[in-house]
Structure formats: structure tokens, C-alpha cells
């Protein structure tokens, strides 16, 4: 295995955010987050570009799509994670992204990360 991959987590539900971060860290990835609003996620992204981002669609201060689009333009793999969207709607809008509906089992989160790295 090469270098350890960095995963940014943006999630405004505190417990869900920490659970996601624990799941990702336990799988052996470097975790940035959780960030509960768009501005802090954007700042973290500007400081250190992740390989993959797990993004809740609606954060505390707005919709995450502008950040996701910027990340995708710089080849960051995106996994949307939300309880307020249909995965088909997101993947229709962003065909190269993945979408997980909350609540999501930890194994599905890890599988999505693995799928993102395999396609990259």
C-alpha cells in the first residue's frame, strides 16, 4: 500500500460526524474533521487538499455543492452523505460522485471510500 489517503468529513450533526470520522480512522485513513459548516470545511480544504471528501449536502451555513464542485475540479473524490436527498438525484447531477443515504452502515462508508480510490 502507498501513502495513507486523507479523507475530509463535513457533517453538521455532531454525533454522526464523529461516528463517520471514527469509522474512517479505524479503516486506516487520515481524517480531517468533522466540519459542521461550509466555511470551516472550505478553510480545511484550502489548508490541506484531501484525496476524498465525505460531505453532508446541507451544512450549518449552506449547501455543500459549491465546495464539492471545487473539489471535483481538483480531482478530489466526493461521497455525498445525507438524509435530505435521493442518491439518484445527486449522482444524476454529479455522475462521478457517490451518494449515501443516512443512516448508513459503517461498512457502506468504507466500501464507498474503497470504490472511490479504485476509480481514481
PDB file of N, CA and C in Angstrom:
ATOM      1  N   UNK A   1       0.847  -1.183   0.000  1.00  0.00           N
ATOM      2  CA  UNK A   1       0.000   0.000   0.000  1.00  0.00           C
ATOM      3  C   UNK A   1       0.886   1.237   0.000  1.00  0.00           C
ATOM      4  N   UNK A   2       0.499   2.265  -0.719  1.00  0.00           N
ATOM      5  CA  UNK A   2       1.260   3.511  -0.819  1.00  0.00           C
ATOM      6  C   UNK A   2       0.988   4.404   0.370  1.00  0.00           C
ATOM      7  N   UNK A   3       0.999   5.697   0.112  1.00  0.00           N
ATOM      8  CA  UNK A   3       0.771   6.657   1.187  1.00  0.00           C
ATOM      9  C   UNK A   3      -0.652   6.530   1.729  1.00  0.00           C
ATOM     10  N   UNK A   4      -0.821   6.970   2.952  1.00  0.00           N
ATOM     11  CA  UNK A   4      -2.128   6.949   3.589  1.00  0.00           C
ATOM     12  C   UNK A   4      -3.010   8.025   2.971  1.00  0.00           C
ATOM     13  N   UNK A   5      -4.227   7.678   2.603  1.00  0.00           N
ATOM     14  CA  UNK A   5      -5.145   8.634   1.996  1.00  0.00           C
ATOM     15  C   UNK A   5      -5.781   9.530   3.054  1.00  0.00           C
ATOM     16  N   UNK A   6      -6.030  10.771   2.670  1.00  0.00           N
ATOM     17  CA  UNK A   6      -6.633  11.780   3.554  1.00  0.00           C
ATOM     18  C   UNK A   6      -8.103  11.943   3.175  1.00  0.00           C
ATOM     19  N   UNK A   7      -8.986  11.855   4.175  1.00  0.00           N
ATOM     20  CA  UNK A   7     -10.428  11.976   3.972  1.00  0.00           C
ATOM     21  C   UNK A   7     -10.957  13.148   4.795  1.00  0.00           C
ATOM     22  N   UNK A   8     -11.593  14.101   4.125  1.00  0.00           N
ATOM     23  CA  UNK A   8     -12.228  15.237   4.788  1.00  0.00           C
ATOM     24  C   UNK A   8     -13.690  14.880   5.045  1.00  0.00           C
ATOM     25  N   UNK A   9     -14.161  15.125   6.255  1.00  0.00           N
ATOM     26  CA  UNK A   9     -15.549  14.843   6.622  1.00  0.00           C
ATOM     27  C   UNK A   9     -16.242  16.151   6.998  1.00  0.00           C
ATOM     28  N   UNK A  10     -17.320  16.474   6.289  1.00  0.00           N
ATOM     29  CA  UNK A  10     -18.138  17.652   6.593  1.00  0.00           C
ATOM     30  C   UNK A  10     -19.542  17.165   6.923  1.00  0.00           C
ATOM     31  N   UNK A  11     -19.935  17.350   8.162  1.00  0.00           N
ATOM     32  CA  UNK A  11     -21.213  16.837   8.671  1.00  0.00           C
ATOM     33  C   UNK A  11     -21.661  17.732   9.816  1.00  0.00           C
ATOM     34  N   UNK A  12     -22.895  18.265   9.724  1.00  0.00           N
ATOM     35  CA  UNK A  12     -23.347  19.196  10.762  1.00  0.00           C
ATOM     36  C   UNK A  12     -24.036  18.528  11.947  1.00  0.00           C
ATOM     37  N   UNK A  13     -24.311  17.245  11.877  1.00  0.00           N
ATOM     38  CA  UNK A  13     -24.853  16.524  13.039  1.00  0.00           C
ATOM     39  C   UNK A  13     -23.656  15.960  13.803  1.00  0.00           C
ATOM     40  N   UNK A  14     -23.400  16.513  14.978  1.00  0.00           N
ATOM     41  CA  UNK A  14     -22.199  16.219  15.743  1.00  0.00           C
ATOM     42  C   UNK A  14     -21.934  14.725  15.931  1.00  0.00           C
ATOM     43  N   UNK A  15     -22.904  13.996  16.404  1.00  0.00           N
ATOM     44  CA  UNK A  15     -22.705  12.563  16.666  1.00  0.00           C
ATOM     45  C   UNK A  15     -22.409  11.811  15.374  1.00  0.00           C
ATOM     46  N   UNK A  16     -23.146  12.121  14.315  1.00  0.00           N
ATOM     47  CA  UNK A  16     -22.923  11.476  13.021  1.00  0.00           C
ATOM     48  C   UNK A  16     -21.521  11.811  12.509  1.00  0.00           C
ATOM     49  N   UNK A  17     -21.121  13.063  12.653  1.00  0.00           N
ATOM     50  CA  UNK A  17     -19.798  13.486  12.199  1.00  0.00           C
ATOM     51  C   UNK A  17     -18.675  12.742  12.898  1.00  0.00           C
ATOM     52  N   UNK A  18     -18.753  12.652  14.217  1.00  0.00           N
ATOM     53  CA  UNK A  18     -17.706  11.948  14.954  1.00  0.00           C
ATOM     54  C   UNK A  18     -17.732  10.454  14.658  1.00  0.00           C
ATOM     55  N   UNK A  19     -18.910   9.897  14.474  1.00  0.00           N
ATOM     56  CA  UNK A  19     -19.025   8.483  14.118  1.00  0.00           C
ATOM     57  C   UNK A  19     -18.372   8.212  12.758  1.00  0.00           C
ATOM     58  N   UNK A  20     -18.649   9.087  11.788  1.00  0.00           N
ATOM     59  CA  UNK A  20     -18.024   8.947  10.466  1.00  0.00           C
ATOM     60  C   UNK A  20     -16.501   9.026  10.579  1.00  0.00           C
ATOM     61  N   UNK A  21     -16.007  10.001  11.326  1.00  0.00           N
ATOM     62  CA  UNK A  21     -14.561  10.167  11.484  1.00  0.00           C
ATOM     63  C   UNK A  21     -13.932   8.939  12.136  1.00  0.00           C
ATOM     64  N   UNK A  22     -14.581   8.396  13.173  1.00  0.00           N
ATOM     65  CA  UNK A  22     -14.071   7.189  13.827  1.00  0.00           C
ATOM     66  C   UNK A  22     -14.036   6.018  12.854  1.00  0.00           C
ATOM     67  N   UNK A  23     -15.100   5.856  12.076  1.00  0.00           N
ATOM     68  CA  UNK A  23     -15.178   4.765  11.098  1.00  0.00           C
ATOM     69  C   UNK A  23     -14.037   4.866  10.087  1.00  0.00           C
ATOM     70  N   UNK A  24     -13.821   6.066   9.571  1.00  0.00           N
ATOM     71  CA  UNK A  24     -12.787   6.290   8.556  1.00  0.00           C
ATOM     72  C   UNK A  24     -11.392   6.077   9.161  1.00  0.00           C
ATOM     73  N   UNK A  25     -11.162   6.593  10.361  1.00  0.00           N
ATOM     74  CA  UNK A  25      -9.853   6.439  11.012  1.00  0.00           C
ATOM     75  C   UNK A  25      -9.561   4.974  11.328  1.00  0.00           C
ATOM     76  N   UNK A  26     -10.564   4.253  11.813  1.00  0.00           N
ATOM     77  CA  UNK A  26     -10.380   2.839  12.139  1.00  0.00           C
ATOM     78  C   UNK A  26     -10.059   2.009  10.900  1.00  0.00           C
ATOM     79  N   UNK A  27     -10.456   2.493   9.732  1.00  0.00           N
ATOM     80  CA  UNK A  27     -10.160   1.795   8.481  1.00  0.00           C
ATOM     81  C   UNK A  27      -8.763   2.146   7.958  1.00  0.00           C
ATOM     82  N   UNK A  28      -8.054   3.029   8.673  1.00  0.00           N
ATOM     83  CA  UNK A  28      -6.674   3.310   8.323  1.00  0.00           C
ATOM     84  C   UNK A  28      -6.423   4.558   7.504  1.00  0.00           C
ATOM     85  N   UNK A  29      -7.421   5.436   7.407  1.00  0.00           N
ATOM     86  CA  UNK A  29      -7.262   6.666   6.648  1.00  0.00           C
ATOM     87  C   UNK A  29      -6.953   7.828   7.596  1.00  0.00           C
ATOM     88  N   UNK A  30      -6.308   8.866   7.067  1.00  0.00           N
ATOM     89  CA  UNK A  30      -6.099  10.103   7.810  1.00  0.00           C
ATOM     90  C   UNK A  30      -7.403  10.893   7.703  1.00  0.00           C
ATOM     91  N   UNK A  31      -7.891  11.394   8.825  1.00  0.00           N
ATOM     92  CA  UNK A  31      -9.184  12.079   8.837  1.00  0.00           C
ATOM     93  C   UNK A  31      -9.004  13.556   9.158  1.00  0.00           C
ATOM     94  N   UNK A  32      -9.694  14.383   8.395  1.00  0.00           N
ATOM     95  CA  UNK A  32      -9.800  15.815   8.666  1.00  0.00           C
ATOM     96  C   UNK A  32     -11.261  16.071   9.002  1.00  0.00           C
ATOM     97  N   UNK A  33     -11.546  16.583  10.181  1.00  0.00           N
ATOM     98  CA  UNK A  33     -12.925  16.882  10.539  1.00  0.00           C
ATOM     99  C   UNK A  33     -13.338  16.174  11.810  1.00  0.00           C
ATOM    100  N   UNK A  34     -14.628  16.218  12.088  1.00  0.00           N
ATOM    101  CA  UNK A  34     -15.710  16.683  11.216  1.00  0.00           C
ATOM    102  C   UNK A  34     -15.864  18.206  11.243  1.00  0.00           C
ATOM    103  N   UNK A  35     -16.239  18.756  10.122  1.00  0.00           N
ATOM    104  CA  UNK A  35     -16.526  20.173   9.985  1.00  0.00           C
ATOM    105  C   UNK A  35     -18.025  20.336   9.864  1.00  0.00           C
ATOM    106  N   UNK A  36     -18.595  21.221  10.703  1.00  0.00           N
ATOM    107  CA  UNK A  36     -20.055  21.320  10.748  1.00  0.00           C
ATOM    108  C   UNK A  36     -20.625  22.438   9.885  1.00  0.00           C
ATOM    109  N   UNK A  37     -19.748  23.208   9.241  1.00  0.00           N
ATOM    110  CA  UNK A  37     -20.262  24.244   8.340  1.00  0.00           C
ATOM    111  C   UNK A  37     -19.357  24.374   7.120  1.00  0.00           C
ATOM    112  N   UNK A  38     -19.909  25.000   6.118  1.00  0.00           N
ATOM    113  CA  UNK A  38     -19.231  25.149   4.837  1.00  0.00           C
ATOM    114  C   UNK A  38     -17.937  25.942   4.978  1.00  0.00           C
ATOM    115  N   UNK A  39     -17.967  27.008   5.765  1.00  0.00           N
ATOM    116  CA  UNK A  39     -16.780  27.858   5.876  1.00  0.00           C
ATOM    117  C   UNK A  39     -15.602  27.112   6.513  1.00  0.00           C
ATOM    118  N   UNK A  40     -15.840  26.329   7.550  1.00  0.00           N
ATOM    119  CA  UNK A  40     -14.728  25.599   8.166  1.00  0.00           C
ATOM    120  C   UNK A  40     -14.249  24.461   7.265  1.00  0.00           C
ATOM    121  N   UNK A  41     -15.151  23.820   6.540  1.00  0.00           N
ATOM    122  CA  UNK A  41     -14.749  22.778   5.593  1.00  0.00           C
ATOM    123  C   UNK A  41     -13.917  23.371   4.459  1.00  0.00           C
ATOM    124  N   UNK A  42     -14.314  24.542   3.979  1.00  0.00           N
ATOM    125  CA  UNK A  42     -13.575  25.213   2.912  1.00  0.00           C
ATOM    126  C   UNK A  42     -12.181  25.614   3.399  1.00  0.00           C
ATOM    127  N   UNK A  43     -12.091  26.139   4.599  1.00  0.00           N
ATOM    128  CA  UNK A  43     -10.804  26.530   5.156  1.00  0.00           C
ATOM    129  C   UNK A  43      -9.880  25.314   5.287  1.00  0.00           C
ATOM    130  N   UNK A  44     -10.411  24.218   5.795  1.00  0.00           N
ATOM    131  CA  UNK A  44      -9.619  22.987   5.929  1.00  0.00           C
ATOM    132  C   UNK A  44      -9.160  22.493   4.564  1.00  0.00           C
ATOM    133  N   UNK A  45     -10.023  22.576   3.580  1.00  0.00           N
ATOM    134  CA  UNK A  45      -9.691  22.159   2.223  1.00  0.00           C
ATOM    135  C   UNK A  45      -8.569  23.017   1.648  1.00  0.00           C
ATOM    136  N   UNK A  46      -8.627  24.316   1.902  1.00  0.00           N
ATOM    137  CA  UNK A  46      -7.587  25.218   1.402  1.00  0.00           C
ATOM    138  C   UNK A  46      -6.240  24.952   2.071  1.00  0.00           C
ATOM    139  N   UNK A  47      -6.265  24.521   3.331  1.00  0.00           N
ATOM    140  CA  UNK A  47      -5.024  24.238   4.054  1.00  0.00           C
ATOM    141  C   UNK A  47      -4.387  22.936   3.577  1.00  0.00           C
ATOM    142  N   UNK A  48      -5.193  21.894   3.459  1.00  0.00           N
ATOM    143  CA  UNK A  48      -4.691  20.577   3.095  1.00  0.00           C
ATOM    144  C   UNK A  48      -5.705  19.888   2.197  1.00  0.00           C
ATOM    145  N   UNK A  49      -5.329  19.691   0.942  1.00  0.00           N
ATOM    146  CA  UNK A  49      -6.227  19.054  -0.018  1.00  0.00           C
ATOM    147  C   UNK A  49      -6.373  17.561   0.317  1.00  0.00           C
ATOM    148  N   UNK A  50      -7.611  17.103   0.522  1.00  0.00           N
ATOM    149  CA  UNK A  50      -7.819  15.678   0.789  1.00  0.00           C
ATOM    150  C   UNK A  50      -7.836  14.875  -0.516  1.00  0.00           C
ATOM    151  N   UNK A  51      -7.788  13.575  -0.378  1.00  0.00           N
ATOM    152  CA  UNK A  51      -7.935  12.684  -1.535  1.00  0.00           C
ATOM    153  C   UNK A  51      -9.418  12.418  -1.793  1.00  0.00           C
ATOM    154  N   UNK A  52     -10.175  12.362  -0.693  1.00  0.00           N
ATOM    155  CA  UNK A  52     -11.596  12.025  -0.726  1.00  0.00           C
ATOM    156  C   UNK A  52     -12.315  12.931   0.270  1.00  0.00           C
ATOM    157  N   UNK A  53     -13.561  13.298  -0.050  1.00  0.00           N
ATOM    158  CA  UNK A  53     -14.366  14.073   0.897  1.00  0.00           C
ATOM    159  C   UNK A  53     -15.719  13.396   1.064  1.00  0.00           C
ATOM    160  N   UNK A  54     -16.136  13.267   2.309  1.00  0.00           N
ATOM    161  CA  UNK A  54     -17.478  12.791   2.634  1.00  0.00           C
ATOM    162  C   UNK A  54     -18.249  14.025   3.083  1.00  0.00           C
ATOM    163  N   UNK A  55     -19.246  14.416   2.295  1.00  0.00           N
ATOM    164  CA  UNK A  55     -19.924  15.691   2.501  1.00  0.00           C
ATOM    165  C   UNK A  55     -21.421  15.510   2.725  1.00  0.00           C
ATOM    166  N   UNK A  56     -21.901  16.028   3.836  1.00  0.00           N
ATOM    167  CA  UNK A  56     -23.339  16.158   4.025  1.00  0.00           C
ATOM    168  C   UNK A  56     -23.795  17.254   3.057  1.00  0.00           C
ATOM    169  N   UNK A  57     -24.922  17.065   2.412  1.00  0.00           N
ATOM    170  CA  UNK A  57     -25.381  18.033   1.411  1.00  0.00           C
ATOM    171  C   UNK A  57     -25.721  19.380   2.053  1.00  0.00           C
ATOM    172  N   UNK A  58     -26.376  19.355   3.212  1.00  0.00           N
ATOM    173  CA  UNK A  58     -26.778  20.592   3.893  1.00  0.00           C
ATOM    174  C   UNK A  58     -25.970  20.741   5.174  1.00  0.00           C
ATOM    175  N   UNK A  59     -25.078  21.738   5.206  1.00  0.00           N
ATOM    176  CA  UNK A  59     -24.295  22.013   6.407  1.00  0.00           C
ATOM    177  C   UNK A  59     -24.917  23.171   7.176  1.00  0.00           C
ATOM    178  N   UNK A  60     -24.332  23.527   8.295  1.00  0.00           N
ATOM    179  CA  UNK A  60     -24.885  24.559   9.154  1.00  0.00           C
ATOM    180  C   UNK A  60     -25.065  25.910   8.493  1.00  0.00           C
ATOM    181  N   UNK A  61     -24.232  26.239   7.526  1.00  0.00           N
ATOM    182  CA  UNK A  61     -24.323  27.555   6.895  1.00  0.00           C
ATOM    183  C   UNK A  61     -24.583  27.494   5.391  1.00  0.00           C
ATOM    184  N   UNK A  62     -25.082  26.374   4.901  1.00  0.00           N
ATOM    185  CA  UNK A  62     -25.439  26.327   3.487  1.00  0.00           C
ATOM    186  C   UNK A  62     -25.262  24.967   2.836  1.00  0.00           C
ATOM    187  N   UNK A  63     -25.586  24.941   1.559  1.00  0.00           N
ATOM    188  CA  UNK A  63     -25.496  23.726   0.756  1.00  0.00           C
ATOM    189  C   UNK A  63     -24.045  23.526   0.312  1.00  0.00           C
ATOM    190  N   UNK A  64     -23.602  22.300   0.296  1.00  0.00           N
ATOM    191  CA  UNK A  64     -22.202  21.963   0.073  1.00  0.00           C
ATOM    192  C   UNK A  64     -21.802  21.889  -1.411  1.00  0.00           C
ATOM    193  N   UNK A  65     -22.747  22.020  -2.320  1.00  0.00           N
ATOM    194  CA  UNK A  65     -22.432  21.835  -3.743  1.00  0.00           C
ATOM    195  C   UNK A  65     -21.296  22.725  -4.268  1.00  0.00           C
ATOM    196  N   UNK A  66     -21.217  24.021  -3.924  1.00  0.00           N
ATOM    197  CA  UNK A  66     -20.091  24.815  -4.444  1.00  0.00           C
ATOM    198  C   UNK A  66     -18.722  24.264  -4.014  1.00  0.00           C
ATOM    199  N   UNK A  67     -18.613  23.819  -2.763  1.00  0.00           N
ATOM    200  CA  UNK A  67     -17.366  23.213  -2.293  1.00  0.00           C
ATOM    201  C   UNK A  67     -17.106  21.907  -3.034  1.00  0.00           C
ATOM    202  N   UNK A  68     -18.132  21.089  -3.188  1.00  0.00           N
ATOM    203  CA  UNK A  68     -17.978  19.810  -3.893  1.00  0.00           C
ATOM    204  C   UNK A  68     -17.502  20.034  -5.326  1.00  0.00           C
ATOM    205  N   UNK A  69     -18.067  21.029  -5.994  1.00  0.00           N
ATOM    206  CA  UNK A  69     -17.676  21.311  -7.381  1.00  0.00           C
ATOM    207  C   UNK A  69     -16.218  21.754  -7.458  1.00  0.00           C
ATOM    208  N   UNK A  70     -15.802  22.566  -6.509  1.00  0.00           N
ATOM    209  CA  UNK A  70     -14.402  22.996  -6.485  1.00  0.00           C
ATOM    210  C   UNK A  70     -13.482  21.798  -6.255  1.00  0.00           C
ATOM    211  N   UNK A  71     -13.864  20.938  -5.310  1.00  0.00           N
ATOM    212  CA  UNK A  71     -13.054  19.754  -5.028  1.00  0.00           C
ATOM    213  C   UNK A  71     -12.968  18.841  -6.257  1.00  0.00           C
ATOM    214  N   UNK A  72     -14.106  18.604  -6.898  1.00  0.00           N
ATOM    215  CA  UNK A  72     -14.106  17.732  -8.071  1.00  0.00           C
ATOM    216  C   UNK A  72     -13.242  18.307  -9.184  1.00  0.00           C
ATOM    217  N   UNK A  73     -13.219  19.619  -9.326  1.00  0.00           N
ATOM    218  CA  UNK A  73     -12.384  20.260 -10.346  1.00  0.00           C
ATOM    219  C   UNK A  73     -10.898  20.027 -10.073  1.00  0.00           C
ATOM    220  N   UNK A  74     -10.572  19.726  -8.822  1.00  0.00           N
ATOM    221  CA  UNK A  74      -9.184  19.455  -8.436  1.00  0.00           C
ATOM    222  C   UNK A  74      -8.964  17.974  -8.138  1.00  0.00           C
ATOM    223  N   UNK A  75      -9.815  17.121  -8.710  1.00  0.00           N
ATOM    224  CA  UNK A  75      -9.681  15.655  -8.655  1.00  0.00           C
ATOM    225  C   UNK A  75      -9.826  15.035  -7.268  1.00  0.00           C
ATOM    226  N   UNK A  76     -10.567  15.688  -6.387  1.00  0.00           N
ATOM    227  CA  UNK A  76     -10.895  15.084  -5.101  1.00  0.00           C
ATOM    228  C   UNK A  76     -12.149  14.246  -5.328  1.00  0.00           C
ATOM    229  N   UNK A  77     -12.126  13.009  -4.864  1.00  0.00           N
ATOM    230  CA  UNK A  77     -13.288  12.124  -4.989  1.00  0.00           C
ATOM    231  C   UNK A  77     -14.322  12.521  -3.942  1.00  0.00           C
ATOM    232  N   UNK A  78     -15.589  12.576  -4.350  1.00  0.00           N
ATOM    233  CA  UNK A  78     -16.661  13.036  -3.464  1.00  0.00           C
ATOM    234  C   UNK A  78     -17.640  11.914  -3.164  1.00  0.00           C
ATOM    235  N   UNK A  79     -17.989  11.811  -1.878  1.00  0.00           N
ATOM    236  CA  UNK A  79     -19.058  10.930  -1.417  1.00  0.00           C
ATOM    237  C   UNK A  79     -20.045  11.816  -0.667  1.00  0.00           C
ATOM    238  N   UNK A  80     -21.223  12.014  -1.243  1.00  0.00           N
ATOM    239  CA  UNK A  80     -22.261  12.772  -0.547  1.00  0.00           C
ATOM    240  C   UNK A  80     -22.924  11.856   0.465  1.00  0.00           C
ATOM    241  N   UNK A  81     -23.239  12.404   1.637  1.00  0.00           N
ATOM    242  CA  UNK A  81     -23.805  11.623   2.736  1.00  0.00           C
ATOM    243  C   UNK A  81     -24.904  12.477   3.358  1.00  0.00           C
ATOM    244  N   UNK A  82     -26.143  12.131   3.096  1.00  0.00           N
ATOM    245  CA  UNK A  82     -27.224  12.998   3.560  1.00  0.00           C
ATOM    246  C   UNK A  82     -28.508  12.222   3.800  1.00  0.00           C
ATOM    247  N   UNK A  83     -29.330  12.785   4.644  1.00  0.00           N
ATOM    248  CA  UNK A  83     -30.657  12.242   4.866  1.00  0.00           C
ATOM    249  C   UNK A  83     -31.717  13.050   4.140  1.00  0.00           C
ATOM    250  N   UNK A  84     -31.275  14.085   3.417  1.00  0.00           N
ATOM    251  CA  UNK A  84     -32.213  15.003   2.768  1.00  0.00           C
ATOM    252  C   UNK A  84     -32.104  15.007   1.254  1.00  0.00           C
ATOM    253  N   UNK A  85     -31.674  13.913   0.694  1.00  0.00           N
ATOM    254  CA  UNK A  85     -31.578  13.839  -0.762  1.00  0.00           C
ATOM    255  C   UNK A  85     -31.769  12.397  -1.205  1.00  0.00           C
ATOM    256  N   UNK A  86     -32.102  12.265  -2.452  1.00  0.00           N
ATOM    257  CA  UNK A  86     -32.158  10.924  -3.024  1.00  0.00           C
ATOM    258  C   UNK A  86     -30.823  10.696  -3.730  1.00  0.00           C
ATOM    259  N   UNK A  87     -30.151   9.566  -3.454  1.00  0.00           N
ATOM    260  CA  UNK A  87     -28.859   9.319  -4.098  1.00  0.00           C
ATOM    261  C   UNK A  87     -28.904   9.464  -5.625  1.00  0.00           C
ATOM    262  N   UNK A  88     -29.995   9.051  -6.247  1.00  0.00           N
ATOM    263  CA  UNK A  88     -30.099   9.164  -7.703  1.00  0.00           C
ATOM    264  C   UNK A  88     -30.056  10.626  -8.156  1.00  0.00           C
ATOM    265  N   UNK A  89     -30.699  11.518  -7.397  1.00  0.00           N
ATOM    266  CA  UNK A  89     -30.671  12.948  -7.753  1.00  0.00           C
ATOM    267  C   UNK A  89     -29.240  13.496  -7.738  1.00  0.00           C
ATOM    268  N   UNK A  90     -28.473  13.105  -6.729  1.00  0.00           N
ATOM    269  CA  UNK A  90     -27.106  13.601  -6.610  1.00  0.00           C
ATOM    270  C   UNK A  90     -26.219  13.013  -7.694  1.00  0.00           C
ATOM    271  N   UNK A  91     -26.318  11.705  -7.921  1.00  0.00           N
ATOM    272  CA  UNK A  91     -25.451  11.095  -8.927  1.00  0.00           C
ATOM    273  C   UNK A  91     -25.858  11.492 -10.344  1.00  0.00           C
ATOM    274  N   UNK A  92     -27.098  11.915 -10.535  1.00  0.00           N
ATOM    275  CA  UNK A  92     -27.502  12.455 -11.838  1.00  0.00           C
ATOM    276  C   UNK A  92     -26.823  13.811 -12.044  1.00  0.00           C
ATOM    277  N   UNK A  93     -26.806  14.626 -11.001  1.00  0.00           N
ATOM    278  CA  UNK A  93     -26.177  15.951 -11.073  1.00  0.00           C
ATOM    279  C   UNK A  93     -24.650  15.844 -11.126  1.00  0.00           C
ATOM    280  N   UNK A  94     -24.101  14.881 -10.382  1.00  0.00           N
ATOM    281  CA  UNK A  94     -22.651  14.674 -10.305  1.00  0.00           C
ATOM    282  C   UNK A  94     -22.336  13.206 -10.591  1.00  0.00           C
ATOM    283  N   UNK A  95     -22.229  12.827 -11.854  1.00  0.00           N
ATOM    284  CA  UNK A  95     -22.052  11.422 -12.205  1.00  0.00           C
ATOM    285  C   UNK A  95     -20.777  10.771 -11.663  1.00  0.00           C
ATOM    286  N   UNK A  96     -19.755  11.559 -11.352  1.00  0.00           N
ATOM    287  CA  UNK A  96     -18.510  10.984 -10.838  1.00  0.00           C
ATOM    288  C   UNK A  96     -18.482  10.881  -9.319  1.00  0.00           C
ATOM    289  N   UNK A  97     -19.546  11.334  -8.673  1.00  0.00           N
ATOM    290  CA  UNK A  97     -19.623  11.263  -7.211  1.00  0.00           C
ATOM    291  C   UNK A  97     -20.442  10.041  -6.795  1.00  0.00           C
ATOM    292  N   UNK A  98     -20.319   9.709  -5.527  1.00  0.00           N
ATOM    293  CA  UNK A  98     -21.152   8.663  -4.940  1.00  0.00           C
ATOM    294  C   UNK A  98     -22.099   9.329  -3.946  1.00  0.00           C
ATOM    295  N   UNK A  99     -23.174   8.648  -3.626  1.00  0.00           N
ATOM    296  CA  UNK A  99     -24.127   9.197  -2.666  1.00  0.00           C
ATOM    297  C   UNK A  99     -24.591   8.099  -1.717  1.00  0.00           C
ATOM    298  N   UNK A 100     -24.572   8.410  -0.437  1.00  0.00           N
ATOM    299  CA  UNK A 100     -25.032   7.506   0.613  1.00  0.00           C
ATOM    300  C   UNK A 100     -26.168   8.184   1.367  1.00  0.00           C
ATOM    301  N   UNK A 101     -27.212   7.439   1.624  1.00  0.00           N
ATOM    302  CA  UNK A 101     -28.362   7.948   2.353  1.00  0.00           C
ATOM    303  C   UNK A 101     -28.206   7.620   3.832  1.00  0.00           C
ATOM    304  N   UNK A 102     -28.365   8.635   4.690  1.00  0.00           N
ATOM    305  CA  UNK A 102     -28.318   8.412   6.148  1.00  0.00           C
ATOM    306  C   UNK A 102     -29.618   7.776   6.603  1.00  0.00           C
ATOM    307  N   UNK A 103     -29.552   6.934   7.580  1.00  0.00           N
ATOM    308  CA  UNK A 103     -28.354   6.413   8.233  1.00  0.00           C
ATOM    309  C   UNK A 103     -27.670   5.369   7.343  1.00  0.00           C
ATOM    310  N   UNK A 104     -26.361   5.353   7.409  1.00  0.00           N
ATOM    311  CA  UNK A 104     -25.576   4.489   6.544  1.00  0.00           C
ATOM    312  C   UNK A 104     -24.670   3.604   7.401  1.00  0.00           C
ATOM    313  N   UNK A 105     -24.696   2.306   7.169  1.00  0.00           N
ATOM    314  CA  UNK A 105     -23.812   1.420   7.938  1.00  0.00           C
ATOM    315  C   UNK A 105     -22.337   1.739   7.676  1.00  0.00           C
ATOM    316  N   UNK A 106     -21.495   1.617   8.698  1.00  0.00           N
ATOM    317  CA  UNK A 106     -20.070   1.901   8.521  1.00  0.00           C
ATOM    318  C   UNK A 106     -19.435   1.133   7.359  1.00  0.00           C
ATOM    319  N   UNK A 107     -19.817  -0.105   7.171  1.00  0.00           N
ATOM    320  CA  UNK A 107     -19.240  -0.899   6.081  1.00  0.00           C
ATOM    321  C   UNK A 107     -19.528  -0.267   4.723  1.00  0.00           C
ATOM    322  N   UNK A 108     -20.697   0.351   4.565  1.00  0.00           N
ATOM    323  CA  UNK A 108     -21.026   1.022   3.300  1.00  0.00           C
ATOM    324  C   UNK A 108     -20.154   2.251   3.083  1.00  0.00           C
ATOM    325  N   UNK A 109     -19.856   2.965   4.154  1.00  0.00           N
ATOM    326  CA  UNK A 109     -18.986   4.142   4.062  1.00  0.00           C
ATOM    327  C   UNK A 109     -17.599   3.703   3.589  1.00  0.00           C
ATOM    328  N   UNK A 110     -17.047   2.682   4.225  1.00  0.00           N
ATOM    329  CA  UNK A 110     -15.714   2.192   3.864  1.00  0.00           C
ATOM    330  C   UNK A 110     -15.714   1.650   2.438  1.00  0.00           C
ATOM    331  N   UNK A 111     -16.755   0.933   2.074  1.00  0.00           N
ATOM    332  CA  UNK A 111     -16.845   0.414   0.703  1.00  0.00           C
ATOM    333  C   UNK A 111     -16.855   1.567  -0.305  1.00  0.00           C
ATOM    334  N   UNK A 112     -17.545   2.641   0.008  1.00  0.00           N
ATOM    335  CA  UNK A 112     -17.581   3.793  -0.895  1.00  0.00           C
ATOM    336  C   UNK A 112     -16.204   4.442  -1.024  1.00  0.00           C
ATOM    337  N   UNK A 113     -15.472   4.517   0.073  1.00  0.00           N
ATOM    338  CA  UNK A 113     -14.110   5.058   0.017  1.00  0.00           C
ATOM    339  C   UNK A 113     -13.231   4.160  -0.851  1.00  0.00           C
ATOM    340  N   UNK A 114     -13.339   2.861  -0.644  1.00  0.00           N
ATOM    341  CA  UNK A 114     -12.545   1.922  -1.439  1.00  0.00           C
ATOM    342  C   UNK A 114     -12.898   2.013  -2.921  1.00  0.00           C
ATOM    343  N   UNK A 115     -14.169   2.150  -3.216  1.00  0.00           N
ATOM    344  CA  UNK A 115     -14.612   2.283  -4.608  1.00  0.00           C
ATOM    345  C   UNK A 115     -14.064   3.588  -5.212  1.00  0.00           C
ATOM    346  N   UNK A 116     -14.061   4.663  -4.436  1.00  0.00           N
ATOM    347  CA  UNK A 116     -13.534   5.942  -4.920  1.00  0.00           C
ATOM    348  C   UNK A 116     -12.045   5.839  -5.233  1.00  0.00           C
ATOM    349  N   UNK A 117     -11.304   5.157  -4.383  1.00  0.00           N
ATOM    350  CA  UNK A 117      -9.868   5.029  -4.625  1.00  0.00           C
ATOM    351  C   UNK A 117      -9.583   4.088  -5.785  1.00  0.00           C
ATOM    352  N   UNK A 118     -10.409   3.082  -5.981  1.00  0.00           N
ATOM    353  CA  UNK A 118     -10.224   2.166  -7.108  1.00  0.00           C
ATOM    354  C   UNK A 118     -10.491   2.851  -8.438  1.00  0.00           C
ATOM    355  N   UNK A 119     -11.393   3.830  -8.435  1.00  0.00           N
ATOM    356  CA  UNK A 119     -11.732   4.534  -9.665  1.00  0.00           C
ATOM    357  C   UNK A 119     -10.830   5.738  -9.915  1.00  0.00           C
ATOM    358  N   UNK A 120      -9.864   5.948  -9.070  1.00  0.00           N
ATOM    359  CA  UNK A 120      -9.029   7.136  -9.189  1.00  0.00           C
ATOM    360  C   UNK A 120      -7.673   6.840  -9.704  1.00  0.00           C
TER     361      UNK A 120
END
